[in-house]
Amino acid sequence: MKFRILILLFVTLFACKTETKTAEEETTVEAVHPWADKASYQNAAEPLKTWIDSRAGTGKPVHWISDGAVYEYPSGKKLFGLIGFDSSTIIWPDEADGKVTHLTRKTFAYTDAETGEVLKEYNGQEVKPIAYPYQMITYRFENDRIYGDVEQGVGDRVQFIKSEDGIPYRKMGDGYIYNAQVYLDFPLPSGKQYQAWENYDFFIQPEGSVEEPYQMAWQRYGALPAWAGMPDTKAIIHLHSWRVESHDEFPKALMEWAKADKPQWLNPPKDVAEVRALQKGEAGAGWGR
């Protein structure tokens, strides 16, 4: 008798557990990607989707915070600190073969190597932040690489920089590593030649798998800005960057500087029309040639 009761109790508990699980499964709704109904998204390769989703978000603006320093080459002496951020958003078109458009602004401030205070002047020279009021990047996926063609500048200085080598990627475990190298070599209005090398390594992990799933390391080798007063000195810039979803996640000092000096940069351009309007404005520091 006791044995039969135990069997009945086990069957009842199992049935309840099964019913509860079934009810939970019925109420579970799979998250739908905001761009899932766009033919361009449906047609995109998985590495491209992962790159764009992590780099520029899925509709709401995202921000990449940067913190690093400038070092004299070849001595390795720390000359300045560097802080900054970019604000980005993305537009996936309706057409399957349409161009995916990344809209972004970025700005960086030089800081005192010891105190970390934002520099306004250095040895009597005004120190201007690097500030791009916009960059518009259109992506394509060819030969198993991501190509991002960049449009920037204003007036007769608007540039269209076609990506020639693309961004290679590597799948490592559940994550991706994307690498972008930039070799700059072009004449300046002064007659001098602008030469620099930049390298971007993005480390992308599945969302929720680690505390900071979107990370980037950036290096640059080139000349110091004119205000530094060392025209023949080469320097290395090294930055660490990570993505945040809101202004509440900005470091306090960075947010204070941004609100005071660069409030426009706290949001990306809202659309291509705004970019076209900006192209009719005046160039700012950091626009290149």
C-alpha atoms as a PDB file:
ATOM      1  CA  MET A   1       0.000   0.000   0.000  1.00  0.00           C
ATOM      2  CA  LYS A   2       2.767   2.406   0.983  1.00  0.00           C
ATOM      3  CA  PHE A   3       4.633   1.531  -2.211  1.00  0.00           C
ATOM      4  CA  ARG A   4       1.541   2.361  -4.326  1.00  0.00           C
ATOM      5  CA  ILE A   5       1.146   5.724  -2.565  1.00  0.00           C
ATOM      6  CA  LEU A   6       4.794   6.591  -3.252  1.00  0.00           C
ATOM      7  CA  ILE A   7       4.357   5.747  -6.917  1.00  0.00           C
ATOM      8  CA  LEU A   8       1.224   7.896  -7.152  1.00  0.00           C
ATOM      9  CA  LEU A   9       3.016  10.770  -5.385  1.00  0.00           C
ATOM     10  CA  PHE A  10       5.980  10.557  -7.789  1.00  0.00           C
ATOM     11  CA  VAL A  11       3.684  10.512 -10.827  1.00  0.00           C
ATOM     12  CA  THR A  12       1.730  13.504  -9.488  1.00  0.00           C
ATOM     13  CA  LEU A  13       4.891  15.538  -8.818  1.00  0.00           C
ATOM     14  CA  PHE A  14       6.305  14.663 -12.230  1.00  0.00           C
ATOM     15  CA  ALA A  15       3.049  15.662 -13.907  1.00  0.00           C
ATOM     16  CA  CYS A  16       2.978  18.996 -12.040  1.00  0.00           C
ATOM     17  CA  LYS A  17       6.599  19.693 -12.958  1.00  0.00           C
ATOM     18  CA  THR A  18       5.877  18.889 -16.600  1.00  0.00           C
ATOM     19  CA  GLU A  19       2.805  21.137 -16.636  1.00  0.00           C
ATOM     20  CA  THR A  20       4.754  23.977 -14.995  1.00  0.00           C
ATOM     21  CA  LYS A  21       7.578  23.665 -17.514  1.00  0.00           C
ATOM     22  CA  THR A  22       5.128  23.616 -20.365  1.00  0.00           C
ATOM     23  CA  ALA A  23       3.447  26.770 -19.055  1.00  0.00           C
ATOM     24  CA  GLU A  24       6.827  28.497 -18.774  1.00  0.00           C
ATOM     25  CA  GLU A  25       7.724  27.463 -22.281  1.00  0.00           C
ATOM     26  CA  GLU A  26       4.415  28.797 -23.567  1.00  0.00           C
ATOM     27  CA  THR A  27       5.040  32.205 -21.968  1.00  0.00           C
ATOM     28  CA  THR A  28       8.636  32.467 -23.194  1.00  0.00           C
ATOM     29  CA  VAL A  29       8.884  34.850 -26.157  1.00  0.00           C
ATOM     30  CA  GLU A  30      12.044  34.750 -28.218  1.00  0.00           C
ATOM     31  CA  ALA A  31      13.664  38.170 -28.601  1.00  0.00           C
ATOM     32  CA  VAL A  32      13.262  39.522 -32.108  1.00  0.00           C
ATOM     33  CA  HIS A  33      16.046  41.622 -33.618  1.00  0.00           C
ATOM     34  CA  PRO A  34      14.804  45.180 -34.384  1.00  0.00           C
ATOM     35  CA  TRP A  35      15.934  44.856 -37.996  1.00  0.00           C
ATOM     36  CA  ALA A  36      14.692  41.301 -38.533  1.00  0.00           C
ATOM     37  CA  ASP A  37      12.092  42.396 -41.104  1.00  0.00           C
ATOM     38  CA  LYS A  38      14.661  44.254 -43.226  1.00  0.00           C
ATOM     39  CA  ALA A  39      15.770  42.360 -46.330  1.00  0.00           C
ATOM     40  CA  SER A  40      19.282  43.800 -45.949  1.00  0.00           C
ATOM     41  CA  TYR A  41      19.592  42.257 -42.486  1.00  0.00           C
ATOM     42  CA  GLN A  42      18.157  38.936 -43.592  1.00  0.00           C
ATOM     43  CA  ASN A  43      20.618  38.878 -46.487  1.00  0.00           C
ATOM     44  CA  ALA A  44      23.708  39.812 -44.438  1.00  0.00           C
ATOM     45  CA  ALA A  45      26.460  37.359 -43.483  1.00  0.00           C
ATOM     46  CA  GLU A  46      26.649  36.486 -39.783  1.00  0.00           C
ATOM     47  CA  PRO A  47      30.105  38.095 -39.230  1.00  0.00           C
ATOM     48  CA  LEU A  48      28.756  41.355 -40.698  1.00  0.00           C
ATOM     49  CA  LYS A  49      25.653  41.260 -38.491  1.00  0.00           C
ATOM     50  CA  THR A  50      27.784  40.626 -35.397  1.00  0.00           C
ATOM     51  CA  TRP A  51      30.179  43.428 -36.322  1.00  0.00           C
ATOM     52  CA  ILE A  52      27.451  46.017 -36.939  1.00  0.00           C
ATOM     53  CA  ASP A  53      25.334  45.040 -33.931  1.00  0.00           C
ATOM     54  CA  SER A  54      28.331  45.329 -31.613  1.00  0.00           C
ATOM     55  CA  ARG A  55      29.963  48.376 -33.168  1.00  0.00           C
ATOM     56  CA  ALA A  56      26.890  50.543 -33.780  1.00  0.00           C
ATOM     57  CA  GLY A  57      24.038  48.926 -31.860  1.00  0.00           C
ATOM     58  CA  THR A  58      20.594  47.844 -32.958  1.00  0.00           C
ATOM     59  CA  GLY A  59      18.803  51.168 -33.270  1.00  0.00           C
ATOM     60  CA  LYS A  60      19.303  53.095 -30.042  1.00  0.00           C
ATOM     61  CA  PRO A  61      22.552  55.105 -29.837  1.00  0.00           C
ATOM     62  CA  VAL A  62      25.543  53.380 -28.261  1.00  0.00           C
ATOM     63  CA  HIS A  63      28.791  54.914 -27.057  1.00  0.00           C
ATOM     64  CA  TRP A  64      32.399  53.712 -27.026  1.00  0.00           C
ATOM     65  CA  ILE A  65      34.397  55.140 -24.116  1.00  0.00           C
ATOM     66  CA  SER A  66      38.161  55.528 -24.590  1.00  0.00           C
ATOM     67  CA  ASP A  67      40.984  56.016 -22.111  1.00  0.00           C
ATOM     68  CA  GLY A  68      44.702  55.952 -22.881  1.00  0.00           C
ATOM     69  CA  ALA A  69      47.902  57.918 -23.349  1.00  0.00           C
ATOM     70  CA  VAL A  70      50.412  59.406 -25.782  1.00  0.00           C
ATOM     71  CA  TYR A  71      54.008  58.153 -25.575  1.00  0.00           C
ATOM     72  CA  GLU A  72      57.174  59.613 -27.088  1.00  0.00           C
ATOM     73  CA  TYR A  73      58.848  57.294 -29.597  1.00  0.00           C
ATOM     74  CA  PRO A  74      61.309  55.645 -29.186  1.00  0.00           C
ATOM     75  CA  SER A  75      61.885  56.612 -25.510  1.00  0.00           C
ATOM     76  CA  GLY A  76      58.434  55.490 -24.318  1.00  0.00           C
ATOM     77  CA  LYS A  77      58.034  58.585 -22.131  1.00  0.00           C
ATOM     78  CA  LYS A  78      54.406  59.384 -21.351  1.00  0.00           C
ATOM     79  CA  LEU A  79      53.646  62.827 -22.761  1.00  0.00           C
ATOM     80  CA  PHE A  80      49.874  63.176 -22.370  1.00  0.00           C
ATOM     81  CA  GLY A  81      46.774  61.274 -21.415  1.00  0.00           C
ATOM     82  CA  LEU A  82      43.850  60.943 -23.798  1.00  0.00           C
ATOM     83  CA  ILE A  83      40.139  60.467 -23.064  1.00  0.00           C
ATOM     84  CA  GLY A  84      37.160  60.477 -25.361  1.00  0.00           C
ATOM     85  CA  PHE A  85      34.213  58.668 -26.853  1.00  0.00           C
ATOM     86  CA  ASP A  86      32.171  58.135 -29.965  1.00  0.00           C
ATOM     87  CA  SER A  87      28.397  57.980 -30.277  1.00  0.00           C
ATOM     88  CA  SER A  88      26.956  55.711 -32.969  1.00  0.00           C
ATOM     89  CA  THR A  89      23.763  54.471 -34.555  1.00  0.00           C
ATOM     90  CA  ILE A  90      22.958  52.324 -37.599  1.00  0.00           C
ATOM     91  CA  ILE A  91      20.511  52.281 -40.499  1.00  0.00           C
ATOM     92  CA  TRP A  92      19.655  48.977 -42.180  1.00  0.00           C
ATOM     93  CA  PRO A  93      17.891  49.613 -45.535  1.00  0.00           C
ATOM     94  CA  ASP A  94      14.812  47.794 -46.805  1.00  0.00           C
ATOM     95  CA  GLU A  95      16.540  46.539 -49.951  1.00  0.00           C
ATOM     96  CA  ALA A  96      18.476  43.265 -49.725  1.00  0.00           C
ATOM     97  CA  ASP A  97      21.467  44.776 -51.533  1.00  0.00           C
ATOM     98  CA  GLY A  98      21.171  48.241 -49.936  1.00  0.00           C
ATOM     99  CA  LYS A  99      24.051  49.922 -48.120  1.00  0.00           C
ATOM    100  CA  VAL A 100      24.101  49.585 -44.341  1.00  0.00           C
ATOM    101  CA  THR A 101      24.892  53.060 -42.971  1.00  0.00           C
ATOM    102  CA  HIS A 102      26.768  53.725 -39.721  1.00  0.00           C
ATOM    103  CA  LEU A 103      26.446  57.300 -38.393  1.00  0.00           C
ATOM    104  CA  THR A 104      28.885  58.407 -35.720  1.00  0.00           C
ATOM    105  CA  ARG A 105      30.556  61.340 -34.008  1.00  0.00           C
ATOM    106  CA  LYS A 106      33.804  61.077 -32.060  1.00  0.00           C
ATOM    107  CA  THR A 107      35.866  63.386 -29.903  1.00  0.00           C
ATOM    108  CA  PHE A 108      38.992  63.063 -27.749  1.00  0.00           C
ATOM    109  CA  ALA A 109      40.677  65.418 -25.283  1.00  0.00           C
ATOM    110  CA  TYR A 110      44.346  65.498 -24.331  1.00  0.00           C
ATOM    111  CA  THR A 111      44.982  65.442 -20.587  1.00  0.00           C
ATOM    112  CA  ASP A 112      47.889  66.213 -18.280  1.00  0.00           C
ATOM    113  CA  ALA A 113      50.143  63.169 -18.007  1.00  0.00           C
ATOM    114  CA  GLU A 114      50.216  63.386 -14.198  1.00  0.00           C
ATOM    115  CA  THR A 115      46.947  64.955 -13.018  1.00  0.00           C
ATOM    116  CA  GLY A 116      44.590  63.728 -15.728  1.00  0.00           C
ATOM    117  CA  GLU A 117      43.095  67.212 -16.100  1.00  0.00           C
ATOM    118  CA  VAL A 118      41.910  68.151 -19.604  1.00  0.00           C
ATOM    119  CA  LEU A 119      44.499  70.389 -21.262  1.00  0.00           C
ATOM    120  CA  LYS A 120      43.327  73.778 -22.521  1.00  0.00           C
ATOM    121  CA  GLU A 121      46.831  75.063 -23.254  1.00  0.00           C
ATOM    122  CA  TYR A 122      50.342  73.650 -23.360  1.00  0.00           C
ATOM    123  CA  ASN A 123      53.496  75.799 -23.248  1.00  0.00           C
ATOM    124  CA  GLY A 124      51.424  78.803 -24.244  1.00  0.00           C
ATOM    125  CA  GLN A 125      49.726  77.007 -27.165  1.00  0.00           C
ATOM    126  CA  GLU A 126      45.978  76.362 -27.334  1.00  0.00           C
ATOM    127  CA  VAL A 127      45.120  72.658 -27.140  1.00  0.00           C
ATOM    128  CA  LYS A 128      42.076  71.768 -29.205  1.00  0.00           C
ATOM    129  CA  PRO A 129      40.289  68.435 -28.779  1.00  0.00           C
ATOM    130  CA  ILE A 130      40.068  66.055 -31.708  1.00  0.00           C
ATOM    131  CA  ALA A 131      36.461  66.379 -32.841  1.00  0.00           C
ATOM    132  CA  TYR A 132      34.676  64.833 -35.810  1.00  0.00           C
ATOM    133  CA  PRO A 133      31.133  66.257 -36.071  1.00  0.00           C
ATOM    134  CA  TYR A 134      30.283  63.194 -38.120  1.00  0.00           C
ATOM    135  CA  GLN A 135      31.587  60.188 -39.970  1.00  0.00           C
ATOM    136  CA  MET A 136      29.295  58.229 -42.254  1.00  0.00           C
ATOM    137  CA  ILE A 137      30.405  54.662 -42.930  1.00  0.00           C
ATOM    138  CA  THR A 138      28.737  52.306 -45.398  1.00  0.00           C
ATOM    139  CA  TYR A 139      29.434  48.584 -45.068  1.00  0.00           C
ATOM    140  CA  ARG A 140      29.739  45.777 -47.589  1.00  0.00           C
ATOM    141  CA  PHE A 141      30.784  42.152 -47.192  1.00  0.00           C
ATOM    142  CA  GLU A 142      33.061  40.787 -49.922  1.00  0.00           C
ATOM    143  CA  ASN A 143      35.675  38.020 -50.092  1.00  0.00           C
ATOM    144  CA  ASP A 144      34.906  37.050 -46.490  1.00  0.00           C
ATOM    145  CA  ARG A 145      35.871  40.513 -45.243  1.00  0.00           C
ATOM    146  CA  ILE A 146      33.976  43.577 -44.044  1.00  0.00           C
ATOM    147  CA  TYR A 147      34.578  46.781 -45.967  1.00  0.00           C
ATOM    148  CA  GLY A 148      33.654  50.151 -44.490  1.00  0.00           C
ATOM    149  CA  ASP A 149      33.753  53.116 -46.872  1.00  0.00           C
ATOM    150  CA  VAL A 150      34.047  56.407 -44.956  1.00  0.00           C
ATOM    151  CA  GLU A 151      32.630  59.832 -45.803  1.00  0.00           C
ATOM    152  CA  GLN A 152      33.844  62.808 -43.743  1.00  0.00           C
ATOM    153  CA  GLY A 153      34.766  66.492 -43.969  1.00  0.00           C
ATOM    154  CA  VAL A 154      33.006  69.665 -45.055  1.00  0.00           C
ATOM    155  CA  GLY A 155      32.695  71.874 -48.140  1.00  0.00           C
ATOM    156  CA  ASP A 156      35.462  71.311 -50.652  1.00  0.00           C
ATOM    157  CA  ARG A 157      37.195  69.103 -48.060  1.00  0.00           C
ATOM    158  CA  VAL A 158      34.576  66.357 -48.052  1.00  0.00           C
ATOM    159  CA  GLN A 159      36.407  63.060 -48.438  1.00  0.00           C
ATOM    160  CA  PHE A 160      35.198  59.662 -49.553  1.00  0.00           C
ATOM    161  CA  ILE A 161      37.693  57.056 -48.353  1.00  0.00           C
ATOM    162  CA  LYS A 162      37.074  53.708 -50.002  1.00  0.00           C
ATOM    163  CA  SER A 163      38.081  50.685 -47.953  1.00  0.00           C
ATOM    164  CA  GLU A 164      40.671  48.756 -49.963  1.00  0.00           C
ATOM    165  CA  ASP A 165      41.887  46.000 -47.630  1.00  0.00           C
ATOM    166  CA  GLY A 166      38.788  45.398 -45.543  1.00  0.00           C
ATOM    167  CA  ILE A 167      38.436  44.182 -41.970  1.00  0.00           C
ATOM    168  CA  PRO A 168      39.484  40.562 -41.445  1.00  0.00           C
ATOM    169  CA  TYR A 169      37.910  38.649 -38.596  1.00  0.00           C
ATOM    170  CA  ARG A 170      38.511  35.477 -36.645  1.00  0.00           C
ATOM    171  CA  LYS A 171      36.029  33.401 -34.689  1.00  0.00           C
ATOM    172  CA  MET A 172      37.513  32.339 -31.342  1.00  0.00           C
ATOM    173  CA  GLY A 173      35.213  30.208 -29.212  1.00  0.00           C
ATOM    174  CA  ASP A 174      31.897  32.030 -29.006  1.00  0.00           C
ATOM    175  CA  GLY A 175      33.457  35.409 -29.784  1.00  0.00           C
ATOM    176  CA  TYR A 176      34.968  37.327 -32.676  1.00  0.00           C
ATOM    177  CA  ILE A 177      38.131  39.365 -33.138  1.00  0.00           C
ATOM    178  CA  TYR A 178      37.962  42.042 -35.844  1.00  0.00           C
ATOM    179  CA  ASN A 179      41.109  43.857 -36.972  1.00  0.00           C
ATOM    180  CA  ALA A 180      41.264  47.099 -38.937  1.00  0.00           C
ATOM    181  CA  GLN A 181      44.566  48.667 -39.981  1.00  0.00           C
ATOM    182  CA  VAL A 182      44.774  52.125 -41.534  1.00  0.00           C
ATOM    183  CA  TYR A 183      47.829  53.406 -43.417  1.00  0.00           C
ATOM    184  CA  LEU A 184      47.631  57.176 -43.958  1.00  0.00           C
ATOM    185  CA  ASP A 185      49.856  58.918 -46.486  1.00  0.00           C
ATOM    186  CA  PHE A 186      48.613  62.073 -48.215  1.00  0.00           C
ATOM    187  CA  PRO A 187      49.751  65.662 -48.883  1.00  0.00           C
ATOM    188  CA  LEU A 188      48.659  68.532 -46.625  1.00  0.00           C
ATOM    189  CA  PRO A 189      47.778  72.059 -47.854  1.00  0.00           C
ATOM    190  CA  SER A 190      51.076  73.198 -46.299  1.00  0.00           C
ATOM    191  CA  GLY A 191      52.939  70.984 -48.751  1.00  0.00           C
ATOM    192  CA  LYS A 192      54.012  68.504 -46.084  1.00  0.00           C
ATOM    193  CA  GLN A 193      53.109  64.844 -46.214  1.00  0.00           C
ATOM    194  CA  TYR A 194      50.778  63.435 -43.564  1.00  0.00           C
ATOM    195  CA  GLN A 195      51.822  59.924 -42.598  1.00  0.00           C
ATOM    196  CA  ALA A 196      50.515  57.709 -39.799  1.00  0.00           C
ATOM    197  CA  TRP A 197      49.606  54.121 -38.994  1.00  0.00           C
ATOM    198  CA  GLU A 198      46.551  53.144 -36.944  1.00  0.00           C
ATOM    199  CA  ASN A 199      45.418  49.721 -35.732  1.00  0.00           C
ATOM    200  CA  TYR A 200      42.057  48.739 -34.256  1.00  0.00           C
ATOM    201  CA  ASP A 201      41.428  45.368 -32.555  1.00  0.00           C
ATOM    202  CA  PHE A 202      37.813  44.733 -31.551  1.00  0.00           C
ATOM    203  CA  PHE A 203      37.046  41.863 -29.161  1.00  0.00           C
ATOM    204  CA  ILE A 204      33.381  40.881 -29.318  1.00  0.00           C
ATOM    205  CA  GLN A 205      31.763  38.347 -26.993  1.00  0.00           C
ATOM    206  CA  PRO A 206      28.117  37.205 -26.900  1.00  0.00           C
ATOM    207  CA  GLU A 207      25.969  39.675 -24.969  1.00  0.00           C
ATOM    208  CA  GLY A 208      25.501  38.572 -21.362  1.00  0.00           C
ATOM    209  CA  SER A 209      28.473  36.185 -21.381  1.00  0.00           C
ATOM    210  CA  VAL A 210      30.867  38.660 -19.712  1.00  0.00           C
ATOM    211  CA  GLU A 211      30.512  42.014 -17.965  1.00  0.00           C
ATOM    212  CA  GLU A 212      32.034  43.974 -20.877  1.00  0.00           C
ATOM    213  CA  PRO A 213      31.267  42.043 -24.095  1.00  0.00           C
ATOM    214  CA  TYR A 214      32.369  44.840 -26.465  1.00  0.00           C
ATOM    215  CA  GLN A 215      36.013  45.902 -26.182  1.00  0.00           C
ATOM    216  CA  MET A 216      38.597  47.552 -28.402  1.00  0.00           C
ATOM    217  CA  ALA A 217      42.335  48.331 -28.313  1.00  0.00           C
ATOM    218  CA  TRP A 218      43.684  51.092 -30.581  1.00  0.00           C
ATOM    219  CA  GLN A 219      47.248  52.076 -31.449  1.00  0.00           C
ATOM    220  CA  ARG A 220      48.588  54.902 -33.586  1.00  0.00           C
ATOM    221  CA  TYR A 221      52.093  55.778 -34.759  1.00  0.00           C
ATOM    222  CA  GLY A 222      52.632  59.239 -36.203  1.00  0.00           C
ATOM    223  CA  ALA A 223      53.557  62.845 -35.589  1.00  0.00           C
ATOM    224  CA  LEU A 224      52.460  64.835 -32.554  1.00  0.00           C
ATOM    225  CA  PRO A 225      49.991  67.711 -33.029  1.00  0.00           C
ATOM    226  CA  ALA A 226      51.554  71.096 -33.811  1.00  0.00           C
ATOM    227  CA  TRP A 227      50.702  72.596 -30.395  1.00  0.00           C
ATOM    228  CA  ALA A 228      52.970  70.027 -28.693  1.00  0.00           C
ATOM    229  CA  GLY A 229      55.975  71.924 -30.095  1.00  0.00           C
ATOM    230  CA  MET A 230      57.880  68.799 -31.156  1.00  0.00           C
ATOM    231  CA  PRO A 231      57.522  68.694 -34.967  1.00  0.00           C
ATOM    232  CA  ASP A 232      60.193  66.043 -35.506  1.00  0.00           C
ATOM    233  CA  THR A 233      59.058  63.744 -32.683  1.00  0.00           C
ATOM    234  CA  LYS A 234      57.031  60.630 -33.417  1.00  0.00           C
ATOM    235  CA  ALA A 235      54.596  59.267 -30.894  1.00  0.00           C
ATOM    236  CA  ILE A 236      52.578  56.179 -30.047  1.00  0.00           C
ATOM    237  CA  ILE A 237      48.959  56.542 -28.934  1.00  0.00           C
ATOM    238  CA  HIS A 238      47.419  53.599 -27.113  1.00  0.00           C
ATOM    239  CA  LEU A 239      43.743  53.511 -26.119  1.00  0.00           C
ATOM    240  CA  HIS A 240      41.439  51.002 -24.480  1.00  0.00           C
ATOM    241  CA  SER A 241      37.749  51.309 -25.367  1.00  0.00           C
ATOM    242  CA  TRP A 242      34.516  49.664 -24.278  1.00  0.00           C
ATOM    243  CA  ARG A 243      30.880  50.115 -25.194  1.00  0.00           C
ATOM    244  CA  VAL A 244      28.206  51.606 -22.940  1.00  0.00           C
ATOM    245  CA  GLU A 245      24.481  51.868 -23.604  1.00  0.00           C
ATOM    246  CA  SER A 246      23.687  55.188 -21.910  1.00  0.00           C
ATOM    247  CA  HIS A 247      25.180  58.445 -20.648  1.00  0.00           C
ATOM    248  CA  ASP A 248      24.736  57.165 -17.089  1.00  0.00           C
ATOM    249  CA  GLU A 249      27.615  54.755 -17.700  1.00  0.00           C
ATOM    250  CA  PHE A 250      30.142  57.454 -18.681  1.00  0.00           C
ATOM    251  CA  PRO A 251      33.066  58.038 -16.312  1.00  0.00           C
ATOM    252  CA  LYS A 252      32.317  61.150 -14.268  1.00  0.00           C
ATOM    253  CA  ALA A 253      35.257  63.261 -15.496  1.00  0.00           C
ATOM    254  CA  LEU A 254      34.541  62.400 -19.136  1.00  0.00           C
ATOM    255  CA  MET A 255      30.864  63.309 -18.825  1.00  0.00           C
ATOM    256  CA  GLU A 256      31.670  66.626 -17.140  1.00  0.00           C
ATOM    257  CA  TRP A 257      34.031  67.539 -19.962  1.00  0.00           C
ATOM    258  CA  ALA A 258      31.559  66.411 -22.646  1.00  0.00           C
ATOM    259  CA  LYS A 259      28.651  68.399 -21.182  1.00  0.00           C
ATOM    260  CA  ALA A 260      30.807  71.521 -20.854  1.00  0.00           C
ATOM    261  CA  ASP A 261      32.723  71.390 -24.141  1.00  0.00           C
ATOM    262  CA  LYS A 262      31.238  68.789 -26.509  1.00  0.00           C
ATOM    263  CA  PRO A 263      27.504  68.281 -25.752  1.00  0.00           C
ATOM    264  CA  GLN A 264      26.655  67.671 -29.430  1.00  0.00           C
ATOM    265  CA  TRP A 265      28.899  64.596 -29.430  1.00  0.00           C
ATOM    266  CA  LEU A 266      26.796  62.861 -26.774  1.00  0.00           C
ATOM    267  CA  ASN A 267      24.457  61.751 -29.567  1.00  0.00           C
ATOM    268  CA  PRO A 268      25.165  60.531 -33.110  1.00  0.00           C
ATOM    269  CA  PRO A 269      23.746  62.212 -36.207  1.00  0.00           C
ATOM    270  CA  LYS A 270      20.079  61.258 -36.352  1.00  0.00           C
ATOM    271  CA  ASP A 271      19.990  60.624 -40.114  1.00  0.00           C
ATOM    272  CA  VAL A 272      21.768  61.130 -43.443  1.00  0.00           C
ATOM    273  CA  ALA A 273      20.030  64.499 -43.887  1.00  0.00           C
ATOM    274  CA  GLU A 274      21.827  65.817 -40.817  1.00  0.00           C
ATOM    275  CA  VAL A 275      25.141  64.619 -42.246  1.00  0.00           C
ATOM    276  CA  ARG A 276      24.487  66.462 -45.504  1.00  0.00           C
ATOM    277  CA  ALA A 277      23.761  69.642 -43.536  1.00  0.00           C
ATOM    278  CA  LEU A 278      26.972  69.261 -41.534  1.00  0.00           C
ATOM    279  CA  GLN A 279      28.937  68.913 -44.757  1.00  0.00           C
ATOM    280  CA  LYS A 280      28.021  72.518 -45.535  1.00  0.00           C
ATOM    281  CA  GLY A 281      29.473  73.801 -42.251  1.00  0.00           C
ATOM    282  CA  GLU A 282      32.974  74.703 -41.183  1.00  0.00           C
ATOM    283  CA  ALA A 283      35.770  72.191 -40.589  1.00  0.00           C
ATOM    284  CA  GLY A 284      36.952  71.527 -37.047  1.00  0.00           C
ATOM    285  CA  ALA A 285      40.079  70.093 -35.460  1.00  0.00           C
ATOM    286  CA  GLY A 286      40.744  66.492 -36.378  1.00  0.00           C
ATOM    287  CA  TRP A 287      39.212  66.571 -39.841  1.00  0.00           C
ATOM    288  CA  GLY A 288      42.439  65.657 -41.604  1.00  0.00           C
ATOM    289  CA  ARG A 289      43.082  67.431 -44.856  1.00  0.00           C
END
